[in-house]
Structure formats: C-alpha cells, structure tokens
PDB file of N, CA and C in Angstrom:
ATOM      1  N   MET A   1      -5.897  -4.060  17.225  1.00  0.00           N
ATOM      2  CA  MET A   1      -5.528  -5.100  16.341  1.00  0.00           C
ATOM      3  C   MET A   1      -6.405  -6.491  16.381  1.00  0.00           C
ATOM      4  N   GLU A   2      -6.868  -6.938  15.429  1.00  0.00           N
ATOM      5  CA  GLU A   2      -7.694  -7.835  15.038  1.00  0.00           C
ATOM      6  C   GLU A   2      -7.283  -9.081  14.770  1.00  0.00           C
ATOM      7  N   ARG A   3      -7.902 -10.197  15.197  1.00  0.00           N
ATOM      8  CA  ARG A   3      -7.339 -11.409  14.999  1.00  0.00           C
ATOM      9  C   ARG A   3      -8.572 -12.088  14.112  1.00  0.00           C
ATOM     10  N   ILE A   4      -8.192 -12.610  12.840  1.00  0.00           N
ATOM     11  CA  ILE A   4      -9.311 -13.027  11.950  1.00  0.00           C
ATOM     12  C   ILE A   4      -8.775 -14.435  11.283  1.00  0.00           C
ATOM     13  N   ALA A   5      -9.825 -15.248  11.499  1.00  0.00           N
ATOM     14  CA  ALA A   5      -9.672 -16.802  10.945  1.00  0.00           C
ATOM     15  C   ALA A   5     -10.277 -16.607   9.606  1.00  0.00           C
ATOM     16  N   LEU A   6      -9.652 -17.672   9.033  1.00  0.00           N
ATOM     17  CA  LEU A   6     -10.005 -17.812   7.399  1.00  0.00           C
ATOM     18  C   LEU A   6      -9.924 -19.233   7.148  1.00  0.00           C
ATOM     19  N   HIS A   7     -10.747 -19.578   6.111  1.00  0.00           N
ATOM     20  CA  HIS A   7     -10.595 -20.909   5.707  1.00  0.00           C
ATOM     21  C   HIS A   7     -10.715 -20.990   4.023  1.00  0.00           C
ATOM     22  N   THR A   8      -9.811 -21.785   3.714  1.00  0.00           N
ATOM     23  CA  THR A   8      -9.883 -21.994   2.199  1.00  0.00           C
ATOM     24  C   THR A   8      -9.620 -23.533   1.938  1.00  0.00           C
ATOM     25  N   ARG A   9      -9.858 -23.906   0.712  1.00  0.00           N
ATOM     26  CA  ARG A   9      -9.688 -25.453   0.240  1.00  0.00           C
ATOM     27  C   ARG A   9      -9.003 -25.444  -0.917  1.00  0.00           C
ATOM     28  N   ILE A  10      -7.818 -26.325  -0.812  1.00  0.00           N
ATOM     29  CA  ILE A  10      -6.954 -26.666  -1.726  1.00  0.00           C
ATOM     30  C   ILE A  10      -7.702 -27.631  -3.004  1.00  0.00           C
ATOM     31  N   ALA A  11      -7.643 -27.262  -4.228  1.00  0.00           N
ATOM     32  CA  ALA A  11      -8.095 -28.195  -5.316  1.00  0.00           C
ATOM     33  C   ALA A  11      -7.584 -29.566  -5.189  1.00  0.00           C
ATOM     34  N   GLU A  12      -8.281 -30.541  -5.399  1.00  0.00           N
ATOM     35  CA  GLU A  12      -8.001 -32.050  -5.214  1.00  0.00           C
ATOM     36  C   GLU A  12      -6.556 -32.295  -6.112  1.00  0.00           C
ATOM     37  N   GLY A  13      -5.577 -32.910  -5.491  1.00  0.00           N
ATOM     38  CA  GLY A  13      -4.422 -33.272  -5.944  1.00  0.00           C
ATOM     39  C   GLY A  13      -3.370 -32.131  -5.941  1.00  0.00           C
ATOM     40  N   HIS A  14      -3.618 -30.971  -5.281  1.00  0.00           N
ATOM     41  CA  HIS A  14      -2.664 -29.888  -5.375  1.00  0.00           C
ATOM     42  C   HIS A  14      -2.157 -29.578  -3.817  1.00  0.00           C
ATOM     43  N   GLU A  15      -2.370 -30.505  -2.906  1.00  0.00           N
ATOM     44  CA  GLU A  15      -1.710 -30.381  -1.392  1.00  0.00           C
ATOM     45  C   GLU A  15      -0.210 -29.988  -1.470  1.00  0.00           C
ATOM     46  N   ALA A  16       0.511 -30.975  -2.222  1.00  0.00           N
ATOM     47  CA  ALA A  16       1.935 -30.729  -2.176  1.00  0.00           C
ATOM     48  C   ALA A  16       2.451 -29.407  -2.780  1.00  0.00           C
ATOM     49  N   ASP A  17       1.563 -29.085  -3.888  1.00  0.00           N
ATOM     50  CA  ASP A  17       1.815 -27.688  -4.474  1.00  0.00           C
ATOM     51  C   ASP A  17       1.562 -26.494  -3.608  1.00  0.00           C
ATOM     52  N   TYR A  18       0.603 -26.867  -2.828  1.00  0.00           N
ATOM     53  CA  TYR A  18       0.330 -25.641  -1.938  1.00  0.00           C
ATOM     54  C   TYR A  18       1.369 -25.358  -0.876  1.00  0.00           C
ATOM     55  N   ASP A  19       1.565 -26.721  -0.310  1.00  0.00           N
ATOM     56  CA  ASP A  19       2.852 -26.546   0.733  1.00  0.00           C
ATOM     57  C   ASP A  19       4.008 -26.195   0.375  1.00  0.00           C
ATOM     58  N   ARG A  20       4.475 -26.640  -0.948  1.00  0.00           N
ATOM     59  CA  ARG A  20       5.804 -26.236  -1.435  1.00  0.00           C
ATOM     60  C   ARG A  20       5.916 -24.622  -1.761  1.00  0.00           C
ATOM     61  N   GLU A  21       4.656 -24.059  -2.318  1.00  0.00           N
ATOM     62  CA  GLU A  21       4.690 -22.601  -2.407  1.00  0.00           C
ATOM     63  C   GLU A  21       4.652 -21.868  -1.396  1.00  0.00           C
ATOM     64  N   HIS A  22       4.285 -22.242  -0.352  1.00  0.00           N
ATOM     65  CA  HIS A  22       4.142 -21.553   1.089  1.00  0.00           C
ATOM     66  C   HIS A  22       5.376 -21.805   1.981  1.00  0.00           C
ATOM     67  N   ALA A  23       6.413 -22.844   1.610  1.00  0.00           N
ATOM     68  CA  ALA A  23       7.625 -22.864   2.119  1.00  0.00           C
ATOM     69  C   ALA A  23       8.348 -21.573   2.516  1.00  0.00           C
ATOM     70  N   ARG A  24       8.414 -20.686   1.424  1.00  0.00           N
ATOM     71  CA  ARG A  24       8.643 -19.419   1.547  1.00  0.00           C
ATOM     72  C   ARG A  24       7.965 -18.600   0.511  1.00  0.00           C
ATOM     73  N   ILE A  25       7.413 -17.695   0.949  1.00  0.00           N
ATOM     74  CA  ILE A  25       6.454 -16.760   0.174  1.00  0.00           C
ATOM     75  C   ILE A  25       7.593 -15.634  -0.424  1.00  0.00           C
ATOM     76  N   PRO A  26       7.135 -15.215  -1.542  1.00  0.00           N
ATOM     77  CA  PRO A  26       7.889 -14.145  -2.082  1.00  0.00           C
ATOM     78  C   PRO A  26       8.186 -12.887  -1.103  1.00  0.00           C
ATOM     79  N   ASP A  27       9.532 -12.188  -1.244  1.00  0.00           N
ATOM     80  CA  ASP A  27       9.842 -11.345  -0.362  1.00  0.00           C
ATOM     81  C   ASP A  27       8.867 -10.053  -0.752  1.00  0.00           C
ATOM     82  N   GLU A  28       8.437  -9.856  -1.935  1.00  0.00           N
ATOM     83  CA  GLU A  28       7.452  -8.811  -2.198  1.00  0.00           C
ATOM     84  C   GLU A  28       6.204  -8.905  -1.599  1.00  0.00           C
ATOM     85  N   VAL A  29       5.773 -10.104  -1.482  1.00  0.00           N
ATOM     86  CA  VAL A  29       4.354 -10.431  -0.879  1.00  0.00           C
ATOM     87  C   VAL A  29       4.594 -10.198   0.679  1.00  0.00           C
ATOM     88  N   ASP A  30       5.627 -10.468   1.360  1.00  0.00           N
ATOM     89  CA  ASP A  30       6.000 -10.388   2.624  1.00  0.00           C
ATOM     90  C   ASP A  30       5.794  -8.897   3.028  1.00  0.00           C
ATOM     91  N   THR A  31       6.380  -7.923   1.940  1.00  0.00           N
ATOM     92  CA  THR A  31       6.513  -6.560   2.105  1.00  0.00           C
ATOM     93  C   THR A  31       5.031  -5.958   2.196  1.00  0.00           C
ATOM     94  N   ALA A  32       4.397  -6.470   0.947  1.00  0.00           N
ATOM     95  CA  ALA A  32       2.886  -5.842   0.944  1.00  0.00           C
ATOM     96  C   ALA A  32       2.117  -6.115   2.050  1.00  0.00           C
ATOM     97  N   LEU A  33       2.302  -7.511   2.522  1.00  0.00           N
ATOM     98  CA  LEU A  33       1.456  -7.732   3.691  1.00  0.00           C
ATOM     99  C   LEU A  33       1.819  -6.949   4.995  1.00  0.00           C
ATOM    100  N   ARG A  34       3.129  -6.706   5.222  1.00  0.00           N
ATOM    101  CA  ARG A  34       3.343  -5.829   6.147  1.00  0.00           C
ATOM    102  C   ARG A  34       2.892  -4.444   6.136  1.00  0.00           C
ATOM    103  N   ALA A  35       3.205  -4.005   4.902  1.00  0.00           N
ATOM    104  CA  ALA A  35       2.610  -2.491   4.502  1.00  0.00           C
ATOM    105  C   ALA A  35       1.224  -2.286   4.730  1.00  0.00           C
ATOM    106  N   ALA A  36       0.267  -3.373   4.737  1.00  0.00           N
ATOM    107  CA  ALA A  36      -1.062  -3.447   4.696  1.00  0.00           C
ATOM    108  C   ALA A  36      -1.492  -3.561   6.162  1.00  0.00           C
ATOM    109  N   GLY A  37      -0.556  -3.667   7.236  1.00  0.00           N
ATOM    110  CA  GLY A  37      -0.962  -3.788   8.552  1.00  0.00           C
ATOM    111  C   GLY A  37      -0.874  -4.999   9.246  1.00  0.00           C
ATOM    112  N   VAL A  38      -0.418  -6.204   8.414  1.00  0.00           N
ATOM    113  CA  VAL A  38      -0.446  -7.363   8.943  1.00  0.00           C
ATOM    114  C   VAL A  38       0.944  -7.672   9.810  1.00  0.00           C
ATOM    115  N   HIS A  39       0.528  -8.131  11.078  1.00  0.00           N
ATOM    116  CA  HIS A  39       1.737  -8.455  11.976  1.00  0.00           C
ATOM    117  C   HIS A  39       1.954 -10.036  11.927  1.00  0.00           C
ATOM    118  N   ALA A  40       1.137 -10.799  11.591  1.00  0.00           N
ATOM    119  CA  ALA A  40       1.372 -12.244  11.669  1.00  0.00           C
ATOM    120  C   ALA A  40       0.318 -12.820  10.909  1.00  0.00           C
ATOM    121  N   TRP A  41       0.705 -13.933  10.233  1.00  0.00           N
ATOM    122  CA  TRP A  41      -0.164 -14.783   9.579  1.00  0.00           C
ATOM    123  C   TRP A  41       0.309 -16.183   9.445  1.00  0.00           C
ATOM    124  N   GLY A  42      -0.562 -16.880  10.093  1.00  0.00           N
ATOM    125  CA  GLY A  42      -0.248 -18.388  10.206  1.00  0.00           C
ATOM    126  C   GLY A  42      -1.262 -19.211   9.518  1.00  0.00           C
ATOM    127  N   ILE A  43      -0.663 -20.463   8.899  1.00  0.00           N
ATOM    128  CA  ILE A  43      -1.530 -21.324   7.966  1.00  0.00           C
ATOM    129  C   ILE A  43      -1.261 -22.710   8.548  1.00  0.00           C
ATOM    130  N   TRP A  44      -2.409 -23.337   8.752  1.00  0.00           N
ATOM    131  CA  TRP A  44      -2.621 -24.790   9.046  1.00  0.00           C
ATOM    132  C   TRP A  44      -3.287 -25.652   8.156  1.00  0.00           C
ATOM    133  N   ARG A  45      -2.963 -26.783   7.710  1.00  0.00           N
ATOM    134  CA  ARG A  45      -3.555 -27.424   6.584  1.00  0.00           C
ATOM    135  C   ARG A  45      -4.164 -28.792   7.295  1.00  0.00           C
ATOM    136  N   ASP A  46      -5.283 -29.132   7.197  1.00  0.00           N
ATOM    137  CA  ASP A  46      -5.837 -30.598   7.400  1.00  0.00           C
ATOM    138  C   ASP A  46      -6.425 -31.251   6.129  1.00  0.00           C
ATOM    139  N   GLY A  47      -5.449 -32.098   5.482  1.00  0.00           N
ATOM    140  CA  GLY A  47      -6.043 -32.493   4.209  1.00  0.00           C
ATOM    141  C   GLY A  47      -5.987 -31.257   3.161  1.00  0.00           C
ATOM    142  N   ARG A  48      -7.292 -31.386   2.507  1.00  0.00           N
ATOM    143  CA  ARG A  48      -7.233 -29.984   1.544  1.00  0.00           C
ATOM    144  C   ARG A  48      -8.015 -28.883   2.186  1.00  0.00           C
ATOM    145  N   ASP A  49      -8.138 -28.949   3.443  1.00  0.00           N
ATOM    146  CA  ASP A  49      -8.790 -27.751   4.348  1.00  0.00           C
ATOM    147  C   ASP A  49      -7.478 -27.005   4.865  1.00  0.00           C
ATOM    148  N   ILE A  50      -7.630 -25.582   4.690  1.00  0.00           N
ATOM    149  CA  ILE A  50      -6.580 -24.559   5.033  1.00  0.00           C
ATOM    150  C   ILE A  50      -7.186 -23.740   6.079  1.00  0.00           C
ATOM    151  N   PHE A  51      -6.596 -23.425   6.967  1.00  0.00           N
ATOM    152  CA  PHE A  51      -6.973 -22.455   8.045  1.00  0.00           C
ATOM    153  C   PHE A  51      -5.888 -21.469   8.229  1.00  0.00           C
ATOM    154  N   HIS A  52      -6.371 -20.165   8.381  1.00  0.00           N
ATOM    155  CA  HIS A  52      -5.399 -19.103   8.470  1.00  0.00           C
ATOM    156  C   HIS A  52      -5.798 -18.321   9.648  1.00  0.00           C
ATOM    157  N   LEU A  53      -4.792 -17.882  10.486  1.00  0.00           N
ATOM    158  CA  LEU A  53      -5.016 -16.898  11.492  1.00  0.00           C
ATOM    159  C   LEU A  53      -4.196 -15.735  11.348  1.00  0.00           C
ATOM    160  N   VAL A  54      -4.928 -14.488  10.938  1.00  0.00           N
ATOM    161  CA  VAL A  54      -4.172 -13.238  10.490  1.00  0.00           C
ATOM    162  C   VAL A  54      -4.327 -12.319  11.694  1.00  0.00           C
ATOM    163  N   GLU A  55      -3.291 -11.588  12.270  1.00  0.00           N
ATOM    164  CA  GLU A  55      -3.275 -10.703  13.285  1.00  0.00           C
ATOM    165  C   GLU A  55      -2.868  -9.473  12.433  1.00  0.00           C
ATOM    166  N   VAL A  56      -3.759  -8.494  12.442  1.00  0.00           N
ATOM    167  CA  VAL A  56      -3.922  -7.284  11.333  1.00  0.00           C
ATOM    168  C   VAL A  56      -4.418  -6.095  12.187  1.00  0.00           C
ATOM    169  N   GLU A  57      -3.807  -4.982  11.844  1.00  0.00           N
ATOM    170  CA  GLU A  57      -4.472  -3.691  12.301  1.00  0.00           C
ATOM    171  C   GLU A  57      -5.965  -3.495  11.964  1.00  0.00           C
ATOM    172  N   ASP A  58      -6.483  -3.578  10.790  1.00  0.00           N
ATOM    173  CA  ASP A  58      -7.552  -3.401  10.235  1.00  0.00           C
ATOM    174  C   ASP A  58      -7.699  -4.296   9.032  1.00  0.00           C
ATOM    175  N   TYR A  59      -8.512  -5.398   9.154  1.00  0.00           N
ATOM    176  CA  TYR A  59      -8.550  -6.470   8.238  1.00  0.00           C
ATOM    177  C   TYR A  59      -9.294  -5.912   6.940  1.00  0.00           C
ATOM    178  N   SER A  60     -10.503  -5.050   7.177  1.00  0.00           N
ATOM    179  CA  SER A  60     -11.034  -4.588   5.981  1.00  0.00           C
ATOM    180  C   SER A  60      -9.949  -3.445   5.030  1.00  0.00           C
ATOM    181  N   ALA A  61      -9.180  -2.818   5.832  1.00  0.00           N
ATOM    182  CA  ALA A  61      -8.326  -1.758   5.269  1.00  0.00           C
ATOM    183  C   ALA A  61      -7.217  -2.598   4.448  1.00  0.00           C
ATOM    184  N   MET A  62      -6.699  -3.762   5.169  1.00  0.00           N
ATOM    185  CA  MET A  62      -5.852  -4.583   4.481  1.00  0.00           C
ATOM    186  C   MET A  62      -6.222  -5.103   3.313  1.00  0.00           C
ATOM    187  N   ARG A  63      -7.512  -5.772   3.283  1.00  0.00           N
ATOM    188  CA  ARG A  63      -8.321  -6.269   1.961  1.00  0.00           C
ATOM    189  C   ARG A  63      -8.261  -5.127   0.799  1.00  0.00           C
ATOM    190  N   ARG A  64      -8.552  -4.085   1.365  1.00  0.00           N
ATOM    191  CA  ARG A  64      -8.875  -2.890   0.192  1.00  0.00           C
ATOM    192  C   ARG A  64      -7.270  -2.446  -0.380  1.00  0.00           C
ATOM    193  N   GLN A  65      -6.474  -2.612   0.473  1.00  0.00           N
ATOM    194  CA  GLN A  65      -5.181  -2.215   0.276  1.00  0.00           C
ATOM    195  C   GLN A  65      -4.411  -3.100  -0.576  1.00  0.00           C
ATOM    196  N   LEU A  66      -4.640  -4.527  -0.414  1.00  0.00           N
ATOM    197  CA  LEU A  66      -3.950  -5.780  -1.114  1.00  0.00           C
ATOM    198  C   LEU A  66      -4.604  -5.758  -2.549  1.00  0.00           C
ATOM    199  N   ALA A  67      -6.004  -5.530  -2.510  1.00  0.00           N
ATOM    200  CA  ALA A  67      -6.603  -5.566  -3.935  1.00  0.00           C
ATOM    201  C   ALA A  67      -6.143  -5.026  -5.013  1.00  0.00           C
ATOM    202  N   GLY A  68      -5.507  -3.996  -4.789  1.00  0.00           N
ATOM    203  CA  GLY A  68      -4.713  -3.281  -6.087  1.00  0.00           C
ATOM    204  C   GLY A  68      -3.266  -3.091  -5.863  1.00  0.00           C
ATOM    205  N   ASP A  69      -2.729  -4.034  -5.024  1.00  0.00           N
ATOM    206  CA  ASP A  69      -1.352  -4.217  -4.751  1.00  0.00           C
ATOM    207  C   ASP A  69      -0.664  -5.161  -5.999  1.00  0.00           C
ATOM    208  N   PRO A  70       0.232  -4.716  -6.690  1.00  0.00           N
ATOM    209  CA  PRO A  70       0.836  -5.532  -7.868  1.00  0.00           C
ATOM    210  C   PRO A  70       1.319  -6.955  -7.384  1.00  0.00           C
ATOM    211  N   ALA A  71       1.978  -6.758  -6.154  1.00  0.00           N
ATOM    212  CA  ALA A  71       2.760  -7.872  -5.689  1.00  0.00           C
ATOM    213  C   ALA A  71       1.516  -9.091  -5.261  1.00  0.00           C
ATOM    214  N   ASN A  72       0.733  -8.598  -4.538  1.00  0.00           N
ATOM    215  CA  ASN A  72      -0.361  -9.337  -4.117  1.00  0.00           C
ATOM    216  C   ASN A  72      -1.362  -9.939  -5.142  1.00  0.00           C
ATOM    217  N   LEU A  73      -1.376  -9.107  -6.208  1.00  0.00           N
ATOM    218  CA  LEU A  73      -2.258  -9.559  -7.381  1.00  0.00           C
ATOM    219  C   LEU A  73      -1.309 -10.620  -8.202  1.00  0.00           C
ATOM    220  N   ARG A  74       0.053 -10.546  -8.286  1.00  0.00           N
ATOM    221  CA  ARG A  74       0.750 -11.655  -8.894  1.00  0.00           C
ATOM    222  C   ARG A  74       0.752 -12.876  -7.938  1.00  0.00           C
ATOM    223  N   TRP A  75       0.627 -12.745  -6.686  1.00  0.00           N
ATOM    224  CA  TRP A  75       0.855 -13.944  -5.810  1.00  0.00           C
ATOM    225  C   TRP A  75      -0.572 -14.720  -5.986  1.00  0.00           C
ATOM    226  N   GLN A  76      -1.693 -13.826  -5.982  1.00  0.00           N
ATOM    227  CA  GLN A  76      -3.017 -14.475  -5.984  1.00  0.00           C
ATOM    228  C   GLN A  76      -3.239 -15.253  -7.030  1.00  0.00           C
ATOM    229  N   GLU A  77      -2.704 -14.727  -8.425  1.00  0.00           N
ATOM    230  CA  GLU A  77      -2.727 -15.553  -9.574  1.00  0.00           C
ATOM    231  C   GLU A  77      -2.091 -16.702  -9.469  1.00  0.00           C
ATOM    232  N   HIS A  78      -0.929 -16.532  -9.042  1.00  0.00           N
ATOM    233  CA  HIS A  78       0.021 -17.892  -9.028  1.00  0.00           C
ATOM    234  C   HIS A  78      -0.870 -18.811  -8.009  1.00  0.00           C
ATOM    235  N   ILE A  79      -1.002 -18.399  -6.790  1.00  0.00           N
ATOM    236  CA  ILE A  79      -1.543 -19.416  -5.689  1.00  0.00           C
ATOM    237  C   ILE A  79      -2.954 -19.782  -6.118  1.00  0.00           C
ATOM    238  N   ASN A  80      -3.860 -19.278  -6.644  1.00  0.00           N
ATOM    239  CA  ASN A  80      -5.069 -19.503  -6.960  1.00  0.00           C
ATOM    240  C   ASN A  80      -5.250 -20.771  -7.799  1.00  0.00           C
ATOM    241  N   GLN A  81      -4.088 -20.917  -8.630  1.00  0.00           N
ATOM    242  CA  GLN A  81      -4.206 -22.177  -9.442  1.00  0.00           C
ATOM    243  C   GLN A  81      -4.271 -23.495  -8.646  1.00  0.00           C
ATOM    244  N   PHE A  82      -3.843 -23.527  -7.445  1.00  0.00           N
ATOM    245  CA  PHE A  82      -4.045 -24.689  -6.325  1.00  0.00           C
ATOM    246  C   PHE A  82      -5.113 -24.750  -5.553  1.00  0.00           C
ATOM    247  N   LEU A  83      -6.044 -23.683  -5.595  1.00  0.00           N
ATOM    248  CA  LEU A  83      -7.179 -23.583  -4.766  1.00  0.00           C
ATOM    249  C   LEU A  83      -8.560 -23.870  -5.395  1.00  0.00           C
ATOM    250  N   GLU A  84      -9.514 -24.434  -4.495  1.00  0.00           N
ATOM    251  CA  GLU A  84     -10.806 -24.873  -5.096  1.00  0.00           C
ATOM    252  C   GLU A  84     -11.734 -23.553  -5.348  1.00  0.00           C
ATOM    253  N   VAL A  85     -11.580 -22.676  -4.591  1.00  0.00           N
ATOM    254  CA  VAL A  85     -12.364 -21.454  -4.668  1.00  0.00           C
ATOM    255  C   VAL A  85     -11.259 -20.432  -4.469  1.00  0.00           C
ATOM    256  N   VAL A  86     -11.319 -19.339  -5.325  1.00  0.00           N
ATOM    257  CA  VAL A  86     -10.517 -18.171  -5.352  1.00  0.00           C
ATOM    258  C   VAL A  86     -11.088 -16.971  -4.849  1.00  0.00           C
ATOM    259  N   ASP A  87     -10.101 -16.256  -4.045  1.00  0.00           N
ATOM    260  CA  ASP A  87     -10.455 -14.975  -3.431  1.00  0.00           C
ATOM    261  C   ASP A  87     -10.179 -13.764  -4.422  1.00  0.00           C
ATOM    262  N   ASP A  88     -11.186 -12.945  -4.736  1.00  0.00           N
ATOM    263  CA  ASP A  88     -10.857 -11.879  -5.750  1.00  0.00           C
ATOM    264  C   ASP A  88     -10.690 -10.453  -4.833  1.00  0.00           C
ATOM    265  N   TYR A  89     -10.821 -10.601  -3.495  1.00  0.00           N
ATOM    266  CA  TYR A  89     -10.545  -9.373  -2.658  1.00  0.00           C
ATOM    267  C   TYR A  89     -11.789  -8.486  -2.801  1.00  0.00           C
ATOM    268  N   GLY A  90     -12.768  -9.095  -3.418  1.00  0.00           N
ATOM    269  CA  GLY A  90     -14.116  -8.095  -3.523  1.00  0.00           C
ATOM    270  C   GLY A  90     -15.041  -8.603  -2.408  1.00  0.00           C
ATOM    271  N   GLY A  91     -16.017  -7.675  -2.264  1.00  0.00           N
ATOM    272  CA  GLY A  91     -17.111  -7.985  -1.167  1.00  0.00           C
ATOM    273  C   GLY A  91     -16.430  -7.493   0.106  1.00  0.00           C
ATOM    274  N   GLU A  92     -17.189  -8.029   1.106  1.00  0.00           N
ATOM    275  CA  GLU A  92     -17.077  -7.512   2.530  1.00  0.00           C
ATOM    276  C   GLU A  92     -16.685  -8.762   3.311  1.00  0.00           C
ATOM    277  N   ASP A  93     -15.822  -9.495   2.935  1.00  0.00           N
ATOM    278  CA  ASP A  93     -15.349 -10.583   3.808  1.00  0.00           C
ATOM    279  C   ASP A  93     -14.973 -10.290   5.208  1.00  0.00           C
ATOM    280  N   SER A  94     -15.289 -11.177   6.231  1.00  0.00           N
ATOM    281  CA  SER A  94     -14.864 -10.701   7.551  1.00  0.00           C
ATOM    282  C   SER A  94     -14.330 -12.108   8.186  1.00  0.00           C
ATOM    283  N   GLY A  95     -14.109 -13.092   7.487  1.00  0.00           N
ATOM    284  CA  GLY A  95     -13.427 -14.195   7.951  1.00  0.00           C
ATOM    285  C   GLY A  95     -14.557 -14.972   8.592  1.00  0.00           C
ATOM    286  N   ILE A  96     -13.934 -16.275   9.318  1.00  0.00           N
ATOM    287  CA  ILE A  96     -14.753 -17.014  10.318  1.00  0.00           C
ATOM    288  C   ILE A  96     -15.195 -16.428  11.509  1.00  0.00           C
ATOM    289  N   ARG A  97     -16.711 -16.508  11.692  1.00  0.00           N
ATOM    290  CA  ARG A  97     -17.228 -15.962  12.905  1.00  0.00           C
ATOM    291  C   ARG A  97     -16.693 -16.871  14.207  1.00  0.00           C
ATOM    292  N   PRO A  98     -16.033 -15.943  15.063  1.00  0.00           N
ATOM    293  CA  PRO A  98     -15.676 -16.570  16.283  1.00  0.00           C
ATOM    294  C   PRO A  98     -16.988 -17.072  17.267  1.00  0.00           C
ATOM    295  N   VAL A  99     -16.827 -18.167  17.872  1.00  0.00           N
ATOM    296  CA  VAL A  99     -17.853 -18.656  18.713  1.00  0.00           C
ATOM    297  C   VAL A  99     -17.416 -18.733  20.176  1.00  0.00           C
ATOM    298  N   TRP A 100     -16.484 -19.036  20.538  1.00  0.00           N
ATOM    299  CA  TRP A 100     -15.736 -19.351  21.816  1.00  0.00           C
ATOM    300  C   TRP A 100     -14.186 -19.171  21.992  1.00  0.00           C
ATOM    301  N   SER A 101     -13.707 -18.801  23.018  1.00  0.00           N
ATOM    302  CA  SER A 101     -12.337 -18.787  23.129  1.00  0.00           C
ATOM    303  C   SER A 101     -11.874 -18.827  24.707  1.00  0.00           C
ATOM    304  N   LEU A 102     -11.012 -19.605  25.213  1.00  0.00           N
ATOM    305  CA  LEU A 102     -10.538 -19.565  26.504  1.00  0.00           C
ATOM    306  C   LEU A 102      -9.836 -18.283  26.885  1.00  0.00           C
ATOM    307  N   PRO A 103     -10.274 -17.617  27.979  1.00  0.00           N
ATOM    308  CA  PRO A 103      -9.582 -16.379  28.427  1.00  0.00           C
ATOM    309  C   PRO A 103      -8.016 -16.601  28.645  1.00  0.00           C
ATOM    310  N   ALA A 104      -7.334 -15.567  28.476  1.00  0.00           N
ATOM    311  CA  ALA A 104      -5.957 -15.531  28.670  1.00  0.00           C
ATOM    312  C   ALA A 104      -5.574 -16.025  30.076  1.00  0.00           C
ATOM    313  N   HIS A 105      -6.465 -15.574  30.933  1.00  0.00           N
ATOM    314  CA  HIS A 105      -6.081 -15.969  32.399  1.00  0.00           C
ATOM    315  C   HIS A 105      -7.700 -16.385  33.042  1.00  0.00           C
ATOM    316  N   ALA A 106      -7.599 -17.192  34.039  1.00  0.00           N
ATOM    317  CA  ALA A 106      -8.793 -17.588  34.667  1.00  0.00           C
ATOM    318  C   ALA A 106      -9.347 -16.354  35.601  1.00  0.00           C
ATOM    319  N   PRO A 107     -10.760 -16.268  35.621  1.00  0.00           N
ATOM    320  CA  PRO A 107     -11.508 -15.156  36.355  1.00  0.00           C
ATOM    321  C   PRO A 107     -10.957 -15.490  37.944  1.00  0.00           C
ATOM    322  N   THR A 108     -10.648 -14.438  38.668  1.00  0.00           N
ATOM    323  CA  THR A 108     -10.567 -14.553  40.156  1.00  0.00           C
ATOM    324  C   THR A 108     -11.771 -14.105  40.737  1.00  0.00           C
ATOM    325  N   ALA A 109     -12.031 -14.460  41.963  1.00  0.00           N
ATOM    326  CA  ALA A 109     -13.036 -14.183  42.793  1.00  0.00           C
ATOM    327  C   ALA A 109     -13.593 -12.669  42.587  1.00  0.00           C
ATOM    328  N   GLY A 110     -14.901 -12.271  42.233  1.00  0.00           N
ATOM    329  CA  GLY A 110     -15.344 -11.086  42.059  1.00  0.00           C
ATOM    330  C   GLY A 110     -15.298 -10.525  40.535  1.00  0.00           C
ATOM    331  N   GLU A 111     -14.477 -11.323  39.590  1.00  0.00           N
ATOM    332  CA  GLU A 111     -14.645 -10.950  38.265  1.00  0.00           C
ATOM    333  C   GLU A 111     -15.833 -11.678  37.477  1.00  0.00           C
ATOM    334  N   ALA A 112     -16.155 -10.975  36.739  1.00  0.00           N
ATOM    335  CA  ALA A 112     -17.249 -11.516  35.897  1.00  0.00           C
ATOM    336  C   ALA A 112     -16.637 -12.446  34.522  1.00  0.00           C
TER     337      ALA A 112
END
C-alpha cells in the first residue's frame, strides 16, 4: 500500500465551487477510483491550496488506469474548470516528496 500526498491550487474565486463539487463526488468516480486500487482519498483546503492524501495499491498503475477511464475523464474535465493548474494524467507524477513522519510507536530500548 502506498500513501501519496498531492498538492493542487484552486483558481481565484472558485473556492466555494470546489468545496461544493466535493461535498459528494459522482458514484461513477467513486467506483473508478476503487477499481483503480484507491483505498482512501482525503482532501484538505487552506485558502486556495488543496492537499490530498491518497492510500492506493500502486499510484502509478492507478494514474495509468484513470487516464483512460471515461468517468474520470468526465470528472477531470468538470473539476479542472475550478483549478489553477490541471492534471492531464500524463508524465510520471509521484506526489509530494516525504521529508519526515512520527513513527506509529516510540522505539523501545535496543530499537534503532
């Protein structure tokens, strides 16, 4: 399982549009994401900056599968009208590079 962080930016004046459209995504998009190996996808917004945390079996495979999925293509065409920079699912995106995280448990004596 991979955990991938992503960043996008809402076009100026479209914050409410973006929030409204994500109140409930279309069922066909939910189905496409799950079929592509997504287990969870969370979105946080700070002003116009959007941060995503994706839990997925294989992020590269997910992007390849969704690049040709009709439900995803319709969703991207719709939601991209509210974004400053759009994602065409081309290239080798790997998300935001992780720098540090707090381990799930504190190391005990003798653990590195």
